[in-house]
Protein backbone atom coordinates (compact mmCIF):
# COMPACT_ATOMS: atom_id res chain seq x y z
CA MET A 1 -10.94 2.84 -4.95
CA THR A 2 -9.68 0.80 -7.88
CA ALA A 3 -9.15 1.99 -11.42
CA TYR A 4 -10.39 0.25 -14.55
CA VAL A 5 -7.49 -0.99 -16.64
CA PRO A 6 -8.25 -1.70 -20.30
CA GLY A 7 -6.37 -4.50 -22.02
CA ILE A 8 -3.42 -3.77 -24.29
CA ILE A 9 -5.50 -4.50 -27.40
CA GLU A 10 -8.60 -2.59 -26.25
CA THR A 11 -10.28 -0.77 -29.15
CA ASP A 12 -13.46 0.44 -27.42
CA LEU A 13 -12.86 4.17 -27.04
CA LYS A 14 -15.44 4.45 -24.23
CA LYS A 15 -13.47 1.96 -22.10
CA ILE A 16 -10.23 3.83 -22.72
CA VAL A 17 -11.85 7.16 -21.81
CA LEU A 18 -13.33 5.56 -18.65
CA ALA A 19 -9.83 4.47 -17.61
CA ILE A 20 -8.38 7.95 -18.17
CA GLN A 21 -11.25 9.58 -16.26
CA GLY A 22 -10.68 7.21 -13.34
CA LEU A 23 -7.00 8.11 -13.17
CA ALA A 24 -7.80 11.83 -13.35
CA ALA A 25 -10.29 11.36 -10.48
CA GLY A 26 -7.58 9.80 -8.31
CA ARG A 27 -8.46 6.11 -8.71
CA SER A 28 -5.56 3.72 -8.23
CA ASN A 29 -4.89 -0.01 -8.00
CA ALA A 30 -1.71 0.70 -6.03
CA VAL A 31 -3.40 1.00 -2.62
CA GLY A 32 -4.28 -1.34 0.21
CA THR A 33 -4.54 -2.01 3.92
CA VAL A 34 -2.10 -3.79 6.21
CA THR A 35 -2.25 -4.69 9.90
CA LEU A 36 1.12 -5.08 11.57
CA ALA A 37 1.98 -8.57 12.82
CA THR A 38 1.84 -9.03 16.58
CA GLY A 39 4.81 -10.63 18.30
CA ALA A 40 7.08 -9.87 15.35
CA SER A 41 9.38 -6.99 14.39
CA THR A 42 8.55 -6.99 10.67
CA THR A 43 5.49 -7.32 8.47
CA ILE A 44 5.73 -8.23 4.79
CA VAL A 45 3.12 -6.71 2.48
CA SER A 46 2.54 -8.59 -0.77
CA THR A 47 1.33 -6.31 -3.54
CA PRO A 48 1.85 -6.63 -7.30
CA ASN A 49 2.44 -2.88 -7.62
CA ALA A 50 5.63 -2.89 -5.55
CA ALA A 51 8.95 -3.05 -7.35
CA SER A 52 12.54 -2.23 -6.58
CA GLY A 53 12.66 1.56 -6.54
CA SER A 54 8.99 2.01 -5.53
CA THR A 55 8.00 4.18 -2.58
CA PRO A 56 5.38 2.77 -0.19
CA ILE A 57 3.54 5.48 1.76
CA LEU A 58 1.87 4.50 5.05
CA THR A 59 -1.03 6.26 6.79
CA PRO A 60 -2.33 5.16 10.20
CA ALA A 61 -5.93 3.92 10.08
CA SER A 62 -6.35 3.21 13.80
CA ALA A 63 -5.35 4.72 17.13
CA ASN A 64 -2.88 1.88 17.74
CA ALA A 65 -1.28 2.50 14.33
CA ALA A 66 -0.96 6.22 15.07
CA THR A 67 0.73 5.37 18.38
CA GLU A 68 3.16 3.02 16.61
CA LEU A 69 4.02 5.73 14.10
CA GLY A 70 4.46 8.28 16.89
CA ASN A 71 6.86 5.98 18.75
CA GLY A 72 9.35 6.38 15.90
CA THR A 73 9.92 2.64 15.48
CA LEU A 74 8.07 2.16 12.18
CA TYR A 75 9.72 2.38 8.76
CA VAL A 76 9.82 0.63 5.37
CA SER A 77 12.94 -1.50 5.58
CA ALA A 78 12.88 -3.12 2.12
CA VAL A 79 11.10 -2.93 -1.22
CA ALA A 80 11.23 -5.74 -3.77
CA ASN A 81 9.29 -6.88 -6.80
CA GLY A 82 5.86 -7.83 -5.48
CA SER A 83 6.29 -6.82 -1.84
CA PHE A 84 7.64 -4.41 0.74
CA THR A 85 8.67 -4.93 4.35
CA ILE A 86 7.69 -2.77 7.31
CA ALA A 87 9.98 -2.79 10.35
CA HIS A 88 8.20 -2.00 13.62
CA ALA A 89 8.20 -2.65 17.35
CA ASN A 90 7.78 -6.27 18.43
CA SER A 91 4.54 -5.79 20.32
CA ALA A 92 1.47 -7.73 21.44
CA THR A 93 -0.67 -4.71 20.53
CA VAL A 94 -3.37 -5.64 18.03
CA GLY A 95 -5.12 -3.42 15.52
CA ARG A 96 -2.10 -1.48 14.24
CA THR A 97 -3.73 -0.99 10.85
CA PHE A 98 -2.32 1.20 8.09
CA LEU A 99 -3.49 2.28 4.67
CA TYR A 100 -0.78 2.24 2.02
CA ALA A 101 -0.10 3.50 -1.49
CA VAL A 102 2.82 2.32 -3.61
CA LEU A 103 4.26 4.92 -5.97
CA GLY A 104 6.77 4.40 -8.75
């Protein structure tokens, strides 16, 4: 679920309080979904919240994704400004879908 982000010059106190309440309730704009590329050994995830030094956290959202994670071949191989790269098995298996959150 996304969080409301007031502008830098916001003066409406209700909007600022709404943003703080959303953060306290666990809302975040640093989350998304990615399905691993088939027939490739890497998948690049474009997300504006990624930056050098960020930590992407992956959670399987399908049985095929859980199997991929259990095989021990999946890891985040690079993090850059605006994206991160997932290394994984080069497989024809479809539906290897993960949820992600980018921290930091």
